[in-house]
Amino acid sequence: MDHALTDAAVTKGSSRGAAGGGGPPTAARPAPTYRRRRLRQGVLAWLRVLPFVGPSLFGVTVFLLLPVILIFVLAFLQWNLLSPPTFVGFHNFVTIFRQDAAGHSLLVTAYYVVLAIPLQTVLALGMAVMLNRKLPGMGFYRVIFVVPFMATPVAMAVVWNWIFDPKYGFANMFIGWFGIPAQNWLSSYKLAMPVLAVVNVWQWVGYNMLFFLAGLQGIPPELLESAAIDGATSWQRFKGVTLPLLRPTMLFVLVTTIIGSFQIFDTVFVLTSGGPGTSTQVLNLSIYQIAFTDFRIGEASAMSVVLFVVVLIFTFIQFAYFRRRTVYEYV
């Protein structure tokens, strides 16, 4: 009798489960897995944030990601904007080094980087140290030093072109007060590139000073006070405490300034146009002339890829150097 009741109950429960009742899931209707739930949650999360990140994501995709992909594709094609593009493989990379002097332009760009980056970094750090004091008028001086960065490079290049004019410029007038003869600043093979470096340092040093100033203000004063109590001088405190704790800021400043320096174009285009001769023919200027003067889009794209690889190598070197020498937390 008991066995009969049990069999009837099992049969009744099975029929309810098959009819869609509250029975346990069967093989025909498996329970949702963990991966499916995570996928559904991820899709719902993207749908919620898409109205907020959509405009930025669209801008990054259209104006950054797609152009980069297009440049890598065009580097292997031969195209003059009129005839259909043809695939030429690595021929463009061979041509730019044999005929277009891409190696020379790269060396000129590296020379500019060597001139500008150390001077700009040292001046920005020194200005930040001077302005990191609780003295009257510090806010005013901080604004004054940042004003050049707010001006457009082309407008500032026009002003500097007048300053370095060989006949009526203020630069020759100034050195004339000390008995120094007038110089052809922008027409000299030796002076043209240092002048370009000084102009860009003048414009960007205040911008980098802000980052160093923020890094200095983030250093706990207790560390400097402890070093002073131990008898450390001002230089010893700066060298042993301030500089090591500024390495994250130093990494950011060096990476951004080196990338920007390798991409210099507007100041050179306005002041020298690559002259005299090819002494200031930086790589970006060569890319512009090959693309929009000679209409050799494939070779200009190949130069852009070379510039990208060079900048990427320098960036990796900097990250590798600072990785084990940087402190991000203060104990």
C-alpha atoms as a PDB file:
ATOM      1  CA  MET A   1       0.000   0.000   0.000  1.00  0.00           C
ATOM      2  CA  ASP A   2       2.804   2.424   0.913  1.00  0.00           C
ATOM      3  CA  HIS A   3       4.664   1.635  -2.300  1.00  0.00           C
ATOM      4  CA  ALA A   4       1.530   2.368  -4.305  1.00  0.00           C
ATOM      5  CA  LEU A   5       1.071   5.798  -2.692  1.00  0.00           C
ATOM      6  CA  THR A   6       4.696   6.676  -3.320  1.00  0.00           C
ATOM      7  CA  ASP A   7       4.522   5.704  -6.984  1.00  0.00           C
ATOM      8  CA  ALA A   8       1.357   7.775  -7.404  1.00  0.00           C
ATOM      9  CA  ALA A   9       2.977  10.842  -5.847  1.00  0.00           C
ATOM     10  CA  VAL A  10       6.038  10.558  -8.082  1.00  0.00           C
ATOM     11  CA  THR A  11       3.822  10.154 -11.135  1.00  0.00           C
ATOM     12  CA  LYS A  12       1.722  13.191 -10.136  1.00  0.00           C
ATOM     13  CA  GLY A  13       4.807  15.359  -9.558  1.00  0.00           C
ATOM     14  CA  SER A  14       6.288  14.325 -12.865  1.00  0.00           C
ATOM     15  CA  SER A  15       3.110  15.219 -14.702  1.00  0.00           C
ATOM     16  CA  ARG A  16       3.047  18.663 -13.060  1.00  0.00           C
ATOM     17  CA  GLY A  17       6.641  19.317 -14.053  1.00  0.00           C
ATOM     18  CA  ALA A  18       5.954  18.310 -17.619  1.00  0.00           C
ATOM     19  CA  ALA A  19       2.863  20.555 -17.729  1.00  0.00           C
ATOM     20  CA  GLY A  20       4.872  23.633 -16.733  1.00  0.00           C
ATOM     21  CA  GLY A  21       4.100  23.587 -13.021  1.00  0.00           C
ATOM     22  CA  GLY A  22       6.513  24.274 -10.198  1.00  0.00           C
ATOM     23  CA  GLY A  23       8.553  21.135 -10.676  1.00  0.00           C
ATOM     24  CA  PRO A  24      12.332  21.021 -10.954  1.00  0.00           C
ATOM     25  CA  PRO A  25      13.982  21.977 -14.266  1.00  0.00           C
ATOM     26  CA  THR A  26      14.339  19.183 -16.762  1.00  0.00           C
ATOM     27  CA  ALA A  27      16.821  18.595 -19.559  1.00  0.00           C
ATOM     28  CA  ALA A  28      14.466  20.311 -22.020  1.00  0.00           C
ATOM     29  CA  ARG A  29      14.503  23.573 -19.957  1.00  0.00           C
ATOM     30  CA  PRO A  30      17.927  24.001 -18.267  1.00  0.00           C
ATOM     31  CA  ALA A  31      18.513  26.677 -15.650  1.00  0.00           C
ATOM     32  CA  PRO A  32      20.450  29.765 -16.827  1.00  0.00           C
ATOM     33  CA  THR A  33      24.177  29.277 -16.369  1.00  0.00           C
ATOM     34  CA  TYR A  34      26.603  31.635 -14.615  1.00  0.00           C
ATOM     35  CA  ARG A  35      28.108  32.812 -17.904  1.00  0.00           C
ATOM     36  CA  ARG A  36      24.712  33.684 -19.328  1.00  0.00           C
ATOM     37  CA  ARG A  37      23.834  35.706 -16.252  1.00  0.00           C
ATOM     38  CA  ARG A  38      27.147  37.582 -16.428  1.00  0.00           C
ATOM     39  CA  LEU A  39      26.650  38.246 -20.139  1.00  0.00           C
ATOM     40  CA  ARG A  40      23.138  39.540 -19.528  1.00  0.00           C
ATOM     41  CA  GLN A  41      24.367  41.776 -16.721  1.00  0.00           C
ATOM     42  CA  GLY A  42      27.178  43.136 -18.903  1.00  0.00           C
ATOM     43  CA  VAL A  43      24.808  43.931 -21.772  1.00  0.00           C
ATOM     44  CA  LEU A  44      22.394  45.677 -19.421  1.00  0.00           C
ATOM     45  CA  ALA A  45      25.250  47.670 -17.878  1.00  0.00           C
ATOM     46  CA  TRP A  46      26.456  48.827 -21.304  1.00  0.00           C
ATOM     47  CA  LEU A  47      22.921  49.815 -22.266  1.00  0.00           C
ATOM     48  CA  ARG A  48      22.653  51.928 -19.112  1.00  0.00           C
ATOM     49  CA  VAL A  49      25.955  53.793 -19.572  1.00  0.00           C
ATOM     50  CA  LEU A  50      25.820  54.064 -23.375  1.00  0.00           C
ATOM     51  CA  PRO A  51      23.876  57.367 -23.360  1.00  0.00           C
ATOM     52  CA  PHE A  52      26.645  58.878 -21.224  1.00  0.00           C
ATOM     53  CA  VAL A  53      29.779  57.435 -22.871  1.00  0.00           C
ATOM     54  CA  GLY A  54      28.303  57.209 -26.365  1.00  0.00           C
ATOM     55  CA  PRO A  55      29.333  60.691 -27.600  1.00  0.00           C
ATOM     56  CA  SER A  56      32.901  60.300 -26.306  1.00  0.00           C
ATOM     57  CA  LEU A  57      33.134  56.753 -27.632  1.00  0.00           C
ATOM     58  CA  PHE A  58      31.926  57.939 -31.033  1.00  0.00           C
ATOM     59  CA  GLY A  59      34.516  60.730 -31.111  1.00  0.00           C
ATOM     60  CA  VAL A  60      37.389  58.445 -30.104  1.00  0.00           C
ATOM     61  CA  THR A  61      36.377  55.835 -32.655  1.00  0.00           C
ATOM     62  CA  VAL A  62      35.812  58.183 -35.595  1.00  0.00           C
ATOM     63  CA  PHE A  63      38.609  60.693 -35.011  1.00  0.00           C
ATOM     64  CA  LEU A  64      41.288  58.508 -33.383  1.00  0.00           C
ATOM     65  CA  LEU A  65      40.867  54.762 -33.799  1.00  0.00           C
ATOM     66  CA  LEU A  66      39.676  54.658 -37.416  1.00  0.00           C
ATOM     67  CA  PRO A  67      42.313  57.143 -38.690  1.00  0.00           C
ATOM     68  CA  VAL A  68      45.068  55.101 -37.039  1.00  0.00           C
ATOM     69  CA  ILE A  69      43.803  51.924 -38.670  1.00  0.00           C
ATOM     70  CA  LEU A  70      43.485  53.738 -42.008  1.00  0.00           C
ATOM     71  CA  ILE A  71      47.074  55.014 -41.792  1.00  0.00           C
ATOM     72  CA  PHE A  72      48.392  51.483 -41.252  1.00  0.00           C
ATOM     73  CA  VAL A  73      46.393  50.292 -44.274  1.00  0.00           C
ATOM     74  CA  LEU A  74      47.498  53.171 -46.525  1.00  0.00           C
ATOM     75  CA  ALA A  75      51.150  52.570 -45.636  1.00  0.00           C
ATOM     76  CA  PHE A  76      51.045  49.454 -47.831  1.00  0.00           C
ATOM     77  CA  LEU A  77      49.241  51.130 -50.732  1.00  0.00           C
ATOM     78  CA  GLN A  78      50.256  53.526 -53.503  1.00  0.00           C
ATOM     79  CA  TRP A  79      47.688  56.309 -53.882  1.00  0.00           C
ATOM     80  CA  ASN A  80      47.690  59.893 -55.161  1.00  0.00           C
ATOM     81  CA  LEU A  81      44.065  60.763 -54.213  1.00  0.00           C
ATOM     82  CA  LEU A  82      43.027  60.542 -57.894  1.00  0.00           C
ATOM     83  CA  SER A  83      43.744  57.056 -59.218  1.00  0.00           C
ATOM     84  CA  PRO A  84      42.606  53.910 -57.420  1.00  0.00           C
ATOM     85  CA  PRO A  85      45.013  52.706 -54.708  1.00  0.00           C
ATOM     86  CA  THR A  86      47.235  49.731 -55.465  1.00  0.00           C
ATOM     87  CA  PHE A  87      48.907  47.365 -53.028  1.00  0.00           C
ATOM     88  CA  VAL A  88      52.721  47.681 -53.022  1.00  0.00           C
ATOM     89  CA  GLY A  89      53.684  45.911 -49.805  1.00  0.00           C
ATOM     90  CA  PHE A  90      56.749  47.366 -48.063  1.00  0.00           C
ATOM     91  CA  HIS A  91      57.785  49.416 -51.100  1.00  0.00           C
ATOM     92  CA  ASN A  92      56.724  52.692 -49.414  1.00  0.00           C
ATOM     93  CA  PHE A  93      58.966  52.028 -46.414  1.00  0.00           C
ATOM     94  CA  VAL A  94      61.941  51.412 -48.689  1.00  0.00           C
ATOM     95  CA  THR A  95      61.195  54.542 -50.727  1.00  0.00           C
ATOM     96  CA  ILE A  96      60.942  56.960 -47.811  1.00  0.00           C
ATOM     97  CA  PHE A  97      64.417  56.027 -46.580  1.00  0.00           C
ATOM     98  CA  ARG A  98      66.033  55.959 -50.035  1.00  0.00           C
ATOM     99  CA  GLN A  99      64.417  58.954 -51.752  1.00  0.00           C
ATOM    100  CA  ASP A 100      62.557  61.041 -49.165  1.00  0.00           C
ATOM    101  CA  ALA A 101      65.315  61.207 -46.520  1.00  0.00           C
ATOM    102  CA  ALA A 102      63.058  59.998 -43.735  1.00  0.00           C
ATOM    103  CA  GLY A 103      66.153  59.038 -41.771  1.00  0.00           C
ATOM    104  CA  HIS A 104      67.465  62.608 -41.946  1.00  0.00           C
ATOM    105  CA  SER A 105      64.096  64.028 -40.857  1.00  0.00           C
ATOM    106  CA  LEU A 106      64.031  61.573 -37.972  1.00  0.00           C
ATOM    107  CA  LEU A 107      67.509  62.655 -36.861  1.00  0.00           C
ATOM    108  CA  VAL A 108      66.501  66.325 -37.069  1.00  0.00           C
ATOM    109  CA  THR A 109      63.440  65.584 -34.936  1.00  0.00           C
ATOM    110  CA  ALA A 110      65.577  63.702 -32.405  1.00  0.00           C
ATOM    111  CA  TYR A 111      67.975  66.664 -32.285  1.00  0.00           C
ATOM    112  CA  TYR A 112      65.074  68.963 -31.463  1.00  0.00           C
ATOM    113  CA  VAL A 113      63.891  66.580 -28.727  1.00  0.00           C
ATOM    114  CA  VAL A 114      67.382  66.496 -27.189  1.00  0.00           C
ATOM    115  CA  LEU A 115      67.486  70.298 -27.164  1.00  0.00           C
ATOM    116  CA  ALA A 116      63.980  70.961 -25.871  1.00  0.00           C
ATOM    117  CA  ILE A 117      63.127  68.221 -23.363  1.00  0.00           C
ATOM    118  CA  PRO A 118      65.973  68.642 -20.798  1.00  0.00           C
ATOM    119  CA  LEU A 119      65.671  72.440 -20.806  1.00  0.00           C
ATOM    120  CA  GLN A 120      61.897  72.338 -20.561  1.00  0.00           C
ATOM    121  CA  THR A 121      61.858  69.759 -17.764  1.00  0.00           C
ATOM    122  CA  VAL A 122      64.496  71.496 -15.642  1.00  0.00           C
ATOM    123  CA  LEU A 123      62.858  74.909 -16.016  1.00  0.00           C
ATOM    124  CA  ALA A 124      59.394  73.536 -15.235  1.00  0.00           C
ATOM    125  CA  LEU A 125      60.646  71.774 -12.109  1.00  0.00           C
ATOM    126  CA  GLY A 126      62.571  74.842 -10.954  1.00  0.00           C
ATOM    127  CA  MET A 127      59.558  77.101 -11.461  1.00  0.00           C
ATOM    128  CA  ALA A 128      57.356  74.663  -9.548  1.00  0.00           C
ATOM    129  CA  VAL A 129      59.782  74.619  -6.611  1.00  0.00           C
ATOM    130  CA  MET A 130      59.850  78.435  -6.530  1.00  0.00           C
ATOM    131  CA  LEU A 131      56.072  78.730  -6.709  1.00  0.00           C
ATOM    132  CA  ASN A 132      55.451  76.021  -4.101  1.00  0.00           C
ATOM    133  CA  ARG A 133      55.782  78.532  -1.289  1.00  0.00           C
ATOM    134  CA  LYS A 134      53.200  80.275   0.848  1.00  0.00           C
ATOM    135  CA  LEU A 135      54.111  83.807  -0.137  1.00  0.00           C
ATOM    136  CA  PRO A 136      51.910  86.720  -1.266  1.00  0.00           C
ATOM    137  CA  GLY A 137      51.227  86.846  -5.007  1.00  0.00           C
ATOM    138  CA  MET A 138      52.057  83.207  -5.792  1.00  0.00           C
ATOM    139  CA  GLY A 139      48.694  82.705  -7.496  1.00  0.00           C
ATOM    140  CA  PHE A 140      49.348  85.647  -9.805  1.00  0.00           C
ATOM    141  CA  TYR A 141      52.749  84.326 -10.872  1.00  0.00           C
ATOM    142  CA  ARG A 142      51.318  80.865 -11.494  1.00  0.00           C
ATOM    143  CA  VAL A 143      48.784  82.342 -13.885  1.00  0.00           C
ATOM    144  CA  ILE A 144      51.445  84.430 -15.647  1.00  0.00           C
ATOM    145  CA  PHE A 145      53.630  81.391 -16.294  1.00  0.00           C
ATOM    146  CA  VAL A 146      50.706  79.401 -17.742  1.00  0.00           C
ATOM    147  CA  VAL A 147      49.450  82.178 -20.072  1.00  0.00           C
ATOM    148  CA  PRO A 148      51.835  81.239 -22.976  1.00  0.00           C
ATOM    149  CA  PHE A 149      50.372  77.736 -23.054  1.00  0.00           C
ATOM    150  CA  MET A 150      46.887  79.175 -23.578  1.00  0.00           C
ATOM    151  CA  ALA A 151      47.912  80.910 -26.819  1.00  0.00           C
ATOM    152  CA  THR A 152      47.814  79.036 -30.123  1.00  0.00           C
ATOM    153  CA  PRO A 153      51.233  77.884 -31.409  1.00  0.00           C
ATOM    154  CA  VAL A 154      50.698  79.474 -34.837  1.00  0.00           C
ATOM    155  CA  ALA A 155      49.908  82.898 -33.363  1.00  0.00           C
ATOM    156  CA  MET A 156      52.907  82.715 -31.055  1.00  0.00           C
ATOM    157  CA  ALA A 157      55.124  81.632 -33.957  1.00  0.00           C
ATOM    158  CA  VAL A 158      54.114  84.764 -35.877  1.00  0.00           C
ATOM    159  CA  VAL A 159      55.080  86.926 -32.888  1.00  0.00           C
ATOM    160  CA  TRP A 160      58.393  85.120 -32.478  1.00  0.00           C
ATOM    161  CA  ASN A 161      59.051  85.519 -36.195  1.00  0.00           C
ATOM    162  CA  TRP A 162      58.935  89.278 -35.661  1.00  0.00           C
ATOM    163  CA  ILE A 163      61.130  89.061 -32.535  1.00  0.00           C
ATOM    164  CA  PHE A 164      63.860  87.186 -34.443  1.00  0.00           C
ATOM    165  CA  ASP A 165      63.659  89.375 -37.528  1.00  0.00           C
ATOM    166  CA  PRO A 166      67.285  90.127 -38.568  1.00  0.00           C
ATOM    167  CA  LYS A 167      66.631  93.842 -39.201  1.00  0.00           C
ATOM    168  CA  TYR A 168      63.866  95.012 -36.899  1.00  0.00           C
ATOM    169  CA  GLY A 169      63.560  92.208 -34.358  1.00  0.00           C
ATOM    170  CA  PHE A 170      63.867  92.713 -30.631  1.00  0.00           C
ATOM    171  CA  ALA A 171      66.387  89.851 -30.279  1.00  0.00           C
ATOM    172  CA  ASN A 172      69.080  91.641 -32.300  1.00  0.00           C
ATOM    173  CA  MET A 173      68.215  94.906 -30.602  1.00  0.00           C
ATOM    174  CA  PHE A 174      68.700  93.282 -27.192  1.00  0.00           C
ATOM    175  CA  ILE A 175      72.064  91.676 -27.949  1.00  0.00           C
ATOM    176  CA  GLY A 176      73.152  94.937 -29.597  1.00  0.00           C
ATOM    177  CA  TRP A 177      73.026  96.611 -26.189  1.00  0.00           C
ATOM    178  CA  PHE A 178      75.899  94.335 -25.145  1.00  0.00           C
ATOM    179  CA  GLY A 179      77.947  94.903 -28.292  1.00  0.00           C
ATOM    180  CA  ILE A 180      77.062  91.568 -29.917  1.00  0.00           C
ATOM    181  CA  PRO A 181      76.582  91.751 -33.703  1.00  0.00           C
ATOM    182  CA  ALA A 182      73.180  91.020 -35.220  1.00  0.00           C
ATOM    183  CA  GLN A 183      72.361  87.410 -36.049  1.00  0.00           C
ATOM    184  CA  ASN A 184      70.308  85.773 -38.772  1.00  0.00           C
ATOM    185  CA  TRP A 185      68.484  83.646 -36.222  1.00  0.00           C
ATOM    186  CA  LEU A 186      66.123  81.718 -38.481  1.00  0.00           C
ATOM    187  CA  SER A 187      68.451  81.635 -41.511  1.00  0.00           C
ATOM    188  CA  SER A 188      71.445  80.111 -39.743  1.00  0.00           C
ATOM    189  CA  TYR A 189      72.134  76.388 -39.881  1.00  0.00           C
ATOM    190  CA  LYS A 190      73.447  76.495 -36.307  1.00  0.00           C
ATOM    191  CA  LEU A 191      70.863  78.793 -34.708  1.00  0.00           C
ATOM    192  CA  ALA A 192      67.571  77.856 -36.379  1.00  0.00           C
ATOM    193  CA  MET A 193      66.914  74.666 -34.413  1.00  0.00           C
ATOM    194  CA  PRO A 194      67.964  76.098 -30.994  1.00  0.00           C
ATOM    195  CA  VAL A 195      65.619  79.039 -31.668  1.00  0.00           C
ATOM    196  CA  LEU A 196      62.752  76.628 -32.360  1.00  0.00           C
ATOM    197  CA  ALA A 197      63.548  74.772 -29.148  1.00  0.00           C
ATOM    198  CA  VAL A 198      63.529  77.997 -27.121  1.00  0.00           C
ATOM    199  CA  VAL A 199      60.200  79.085 -28.619  1.00  0.00           C
ATOM    200  CA  ASN A 200      58.484  75.807 -27.771  1.00  0.00           C
ATOM    201  CA  VAL A 201      60.050  75.635 -24.325  1.00  0.00           C
ATOM    202  CA  TRP A 202      58.739  79.138 -23.612  1.00  0.00           C
ATOM    203  CA  GLN A 203      55.222  78.060 -24.559  1.00  0.00           C
ATOM    204  CA  TRP A 204      55.071  74.685 -22.802  1.00  0.00           C
ATOM    205  CA  VAL A 205      57.178  75.133 -19.680  1.00  0.00           C
ATOM    206  CA  GLY A 206      54.305  76.670 -17.717  1.00  0.00           C
ATOM    207  CA  TYR A 207      52.020  73.776 -18.592  1.00  0.00           C
ATOM    208  CA  ASN A 208      54.495  71.221 -17.268  1.00  0.00           C
ATOM    209  CA  MET A 209      55.141  73.417 -14.250  1.00  0.00           C
ATOM    210  CA  LEU A 210      51.528  72.845 -13.164  1.00  0.00           C
ATOM    211  CA  PHE A 211      52.047  69.083 -12.978  1.00  0.00           C
ATOM    212  CA  PHE A 212      55.261  69.415 -11.007  1.00  0.00           C
ATOM    213  CA  LEU A 213      53.542  71.874  -8.678  1.00  0.00           C
ATOM    214  CA  ALA A 214      50.709  69.412  -8.098  1.00  0.00           C
ATOM    215  CA  GLY A 215      53.252  66.669  -7.394  1.00  0.00           C
ATOM    216  CA  LEU A 216      55.130  68.868  -4.898  1.00  0.00           C
ATOM    217  CA  GLN A 217      51.937  69.741  -3.069  1.00  0.00           C
ATOM    218  CA  GLY A 218      51.105  66.043  -2.798  1.00  0.00           C
ATOM    219  CA  ILE A 219      54.295  65.245  -0.867  1.00  0.00           C
ATOM    220  CA  PRO A 220      53.569  64.968   2.879  1.00  0.00           C
ATOM    221  CA  PRO A 221      55.387  67.800   4.681  1.00  0.00           C
ATOM    222  CA  GLU A 222      56.171  65.430   7.566  1.00  0.00           C
ATOM    223  CA  LEU A 223      58.744  63.653   5.404  1.00  0.00           C
ATOM    224  CA  LEU A 224      60.613  66.875   4.684  1.00  0.00           C
ATOM    225  CA  GLU A 225      60.380  67.944   8.325  1.00  0.00           C
ATOM    226  CA  SER A 226      61.806  64.607   9.467  1.00  0.00           C
ATOM    227  CA  ALA A 227      64.714  64.972   7.055  1.00  0.00           C
ATOM    228  CA  ALA A 228      65.355  68.515   8.311  1.00  0.00           C
ATOM    229  CA  ILE A 229      65.361  67.306  11.926  1.00  0.00           C
ATOM    230  CA  ASP A 230      67.929  64.662  10.966  1.00  0.00           C
ATOM    231  CA  GLY A 231      70.187  67.469   9.726  1.00  0.00           C
ATOM    232  CA  ALA A 232      69.604  67.225   5.965  1.00  0.00           C
ATOM    233  CA  THR A 233      70.266  70.420   4.011  1.00  0.00           C
ATOM    234  CA  SER A 234      67.824  71.886   1.501  1.00  0.00           C
ATOM    235  CA  TRP A 235      69.636  70.227  -1.403  1.00  0.00           C
ATOM    236  CA  GLN A 236      69.773  66.889   0.412  1.00  0.00           C
ATOM    237  CA  ARG A 237      66.043  67.058   1.145  1.00  0.00           C
ATOM    238  CA  PHE A 238      65.324  67.880  -2.479  1.00  0.00           C
ATOM    239  CA  LYS A 239      67.580  65.126  -3.813  1.00  0.00           C
ATOM    240  CA  GLY A 240      66.743  62.423  -1.279  1.00  0.00           C
ATOM    241  CA  VAL A 241      63.049  63.079  -0.583  1.00  0.00           C
ATOM    242  CA  THR A 242      61.441  65.368  -3.137  1.00  0.00           C
ATOM    243  CA  LEU A 243      62.869  63.941  -6.370  1.00  0.00           C
ATOM    244  CA  PRO A 244      62.149  60.258  -5.566  1.00  0.00           C
ATOM    245  CA  LEU A 245      58.558  61.093  -4.646  1.00  0.00           C
ATOM    246  CA  LEU A 246      58.160  63.142  -7.835  1.00  0.00           C
ATOM    247  CA  ARG A 247      58.948  60.189 -10.104  1.00  0.00           C
ATOM    248  CA  PRO A 248      55.293  59.472 -11.023  1.00  0.00           C
ATOM    249  CA  THR A 249      54.910  63.121 -12.048  1.00  0.00           C
ATOM    250  CA  MET A 250      58.256  63.027 -13.837  1.00  0.00           C
ATOM    251  CA  LEU A 251      57.168  59.953 -15.798  1.00  0.00           C
ATOM    252  CA  PHE A 252      53.948  61.621 -16.921  1.00  0.00           C
ATOM    253  CA  VAL A 253      55.687  64.863 -17.899  1.00  0.00           C
ATOM    254  CA  LEU A 254      58.475  63.128 -19.832  1.00  0.00           C
ATOM    255  CA  VAL A 255      56.138  60.779 -21.698  1.00  0.00           C
ATOM    256  CA  THR A 256      53.752  63.535 -22.770  1.00  0.00           C
ATOM    257  CA  THR A 257      56.446  66.064 -23.655  1.00  0.00           C
ATOM    258  CA  ILE A 258      58.524  63.601 -25.674  1.00  0.00           C
ATOM    259  CA  ILE A 259      55.449  62.478 -27.608  1.00  0.00           C
ATOM    260  CA  GLY A 260      54.510  66.109 -28.275  1.00  0.00           C
ATOM    261  CA  SER A 261      58.067  67.021 -29.265  1.00  0.00           C
ATOM    262  CA  PHE A 262      58.306  64.221 -31.816  1.00  0.00           C
ATOM    263  CA  GLN A 263      55.061  65.558 -33.305  1.00  0.00           C
ATOM    264  CA  ILE A 264      56.199  69.177 -33.634  1.00  0.00           C
ATOM    265  CA  PHE A 265      54.892  70.808 -36.793  1.00  0.00           C
ATOM    266  CA  ASP A 266      53.147  74.182 -36.515  1.00  0.00           C
ATOM    267  CA  THR A 267      56.040  76.193 -35.063  1.00  0.00           C
ATOM    268  CA  VAL A 268      58.497  74.821 -37.631  1.00  0.00           C
ATOM    269  CA  PHE A 269      56.049  75.373 -40.478  1.00  0.00           C
ATOM    270  CA  VAL A 270      55.511  79.048 -39.610  1.00  0.00           C
ATOM    271  CA  LEU A 271      59.040  80.033 -38.585  1.00  0.00           C
ATOM    272  CA  THR A 272      61.372  78.134 -40.927  1.00  0.00           C
ATOM    273  CA  SER A 273      59.351  75.811 -43.210  1.00  0.00           C
ATOM    274  CA  GLY A 274      62.128  73.271 -42.730  1.00  0.00           C
ATOM    275  CA  GLY A 275      64.971  75.638 -43.645  1.00  0.00           C
ATOM    276  CA  PRO A 276      67.569  76.783 -43.980  1.00  0.00           C
ATOM    277  CA  GLY A 277      68.146  73.875 -46.316  1.00  0.00           C
ATOM    278  CA  THR A 278      66.852  70.866 -44.430  1.00  0.00           C
ATOM    279  CA  SER A 279      68.312  71.767 -41.042  1.00  0.00           C
ATOM    280  CA  THR A 280      64.843  71.986 -39.435  1.00  0.00           C
ATOM    281  CA  GLN A 281      63.043  69.477 -41.658  1.00  0.00           C
ATOM    282  CA  VAL A 282      61.306  67.537 -38.893  1.00  0.00           C
ATOM    283  CA  LEU A 283      59.442  64.327 -39.658  1.00  0.00           C
ATOM    284  CA  ASN A 284      55.931  65.759 -39.326  1.00  0.00           C
ATOM    285  CA  LEU A 285      56.763  68.508 -41.812  1.00  0.00           C
ATOM    286  CA  SER A 286      58.042  65.891 -44.274  1.00  0.00           C
ATOM    287  CA  ILE A 287      54.826  63.910 -43.823  1.00  0.00           C
ATOM    288  CA  TYR A 288      52.762  67.007 -44.570  1.00  0.00           C
ATOM    289  CA  GLN A 289      54.738  67.945 -47.675  1.00  0.00           C
ATOM    290  CA  ILE A 290      54.744  64.422 -49.111  1.00  0.00           C
ATOM    291  CA  ALA A 291      51.013  63.973 -48.481  1.00  0.00           C
ATOM    292  CA  PHE A 292      49.549  67.351 -49.443  1.00  0.00           C
ATOM    293  CA  THR A 293      52.179  68.783 -51.806  1.00  0.00           C
ATOM    294  CA  ASP A 294      53.347  65.695 -53.699  1.00  0.00           C
ATOM    295  CA  PHE A 295      50.120  63.696 -53.101  1.00  0.00           C
ATOM    296  CA  ARG A 296      51.986  60.509 -52.236  1.00  0.00           C
ATOM    297  CA  ILE A 297      49.630  59.304 -49.555  1.00  0.00           C
ATOM    298  CA  GLY A 298      51.148  55.855 -49.157  1.00  0.00           C
ATOM    299  CA  GLU A 299      54.660  57.151 -48.470  1.00  0.00           C
ATOM    300  CA  ALA A 300      53.359  59.780 -46.052  1.00  0.00           C
ATOM    301  CA  SER A 301      51.429  57.057 -44.231  1.00  0.00           C
ATOM    302  CA  ALA A 302      54.570  54.927 -44.067  1.00  0.00           C
ATOM    303  CA  MET A 303      56.411  57.874 -42.464  1.00  0.00           C
ATOM    304  CA  SER A 304      53.570  58.193 -39.962  1.00  0.00           C
ATOM    305  CA  VAL A 305      53.928  54.518 -39.054  1.00  0.00           C
ATOM    306  CA  VAL A 306      57.681  54.989 -38.566  1.00  0.00           C
ATOM    307  CA  LEU A 307      57.021  57.971 -36.287  1.00  0.00           C
ATOM    308  CA  PHE A 308      54.463  55.948 -34.345  1.00  0.00           C
ATOM    309  CA  VAL A 309      56.905  53.093 -33.812  1.00  0.00           C
ATOM    310  CA  VAL A 310      59.693  55.450 -32.685  1.00  0.00           C
ATOM    311  CA  VAL A 311      57.423  57.201 -30.183  1.00  0.00           C
ATOM    312  CA  LEU A 312      56.156  53.837 -28.947  1.00  0.00           C
ATOM    313  CA  ILE A 313      59.720  52.604 -28.360  1.00  0.00           C
ATOM    314  CA  PHE A 314      60.654  55.728 -26.405  1.00  0.00           C
ATOM    315  CA  THR A 315      57.495  55.406 -24.315  1.00  0.00           C
ATOM    316  CA  PHE A 316      58.212  51.770 -23.444  1.00  0.00           C
ATOM    317  CA  ILE A 317      61.789  52.666 -22.492  1.00  0.00           C
ATOM    318  CA  GLN A 318      60.579  55.359 -20.118  1.00  0.00           C
ATOM    319  CA  PHE A 319      58.008  53.094 -18.490  1.00  0.00           C
ATOM    320  CA  ALA A 320      60.598  50.338 -18.101  1.00  0.00           C
ATOM    321  CA  TYR A 321      63.068  52.761 -16.499  1.00  0.00           C
ATOM    322  CA  PHE A 322      60.593  54.272 -14.023  1.00  0.00           C
ATOM    323  CA  ARG A 323      58.738  51.052 -13.195  1.00  0.00           C
ATOM    324  CA  ARG A 324      61.059  49.909 -10.399  1.00  0.00           C
ATOM    325  CA  ARG A 325      62.097  53.395  -9.346  1.00  0.00           C
ATOM    326  CA  THR A 326      58.686  54.901  -8.712  1.00  0.00           C
ATOM    327  CA  VAL A 327      56.860  55.142  -5.389  1.00  0.00           C
ATOM    328  CA  TYR A 328      53.083  55.609  -5.620  1.00  0.00           C
ATOM    329  CA  GLU A 329      52.211  55.316  -1.924  1.00  0.00           C
ATOM    330  CA  TYR A 330      53.667  57.052   1.103  1.00  0.00           C
ATOM    331  CA  VAL A 331      53.940  55.017   4.275  1.00  0.00           C
END
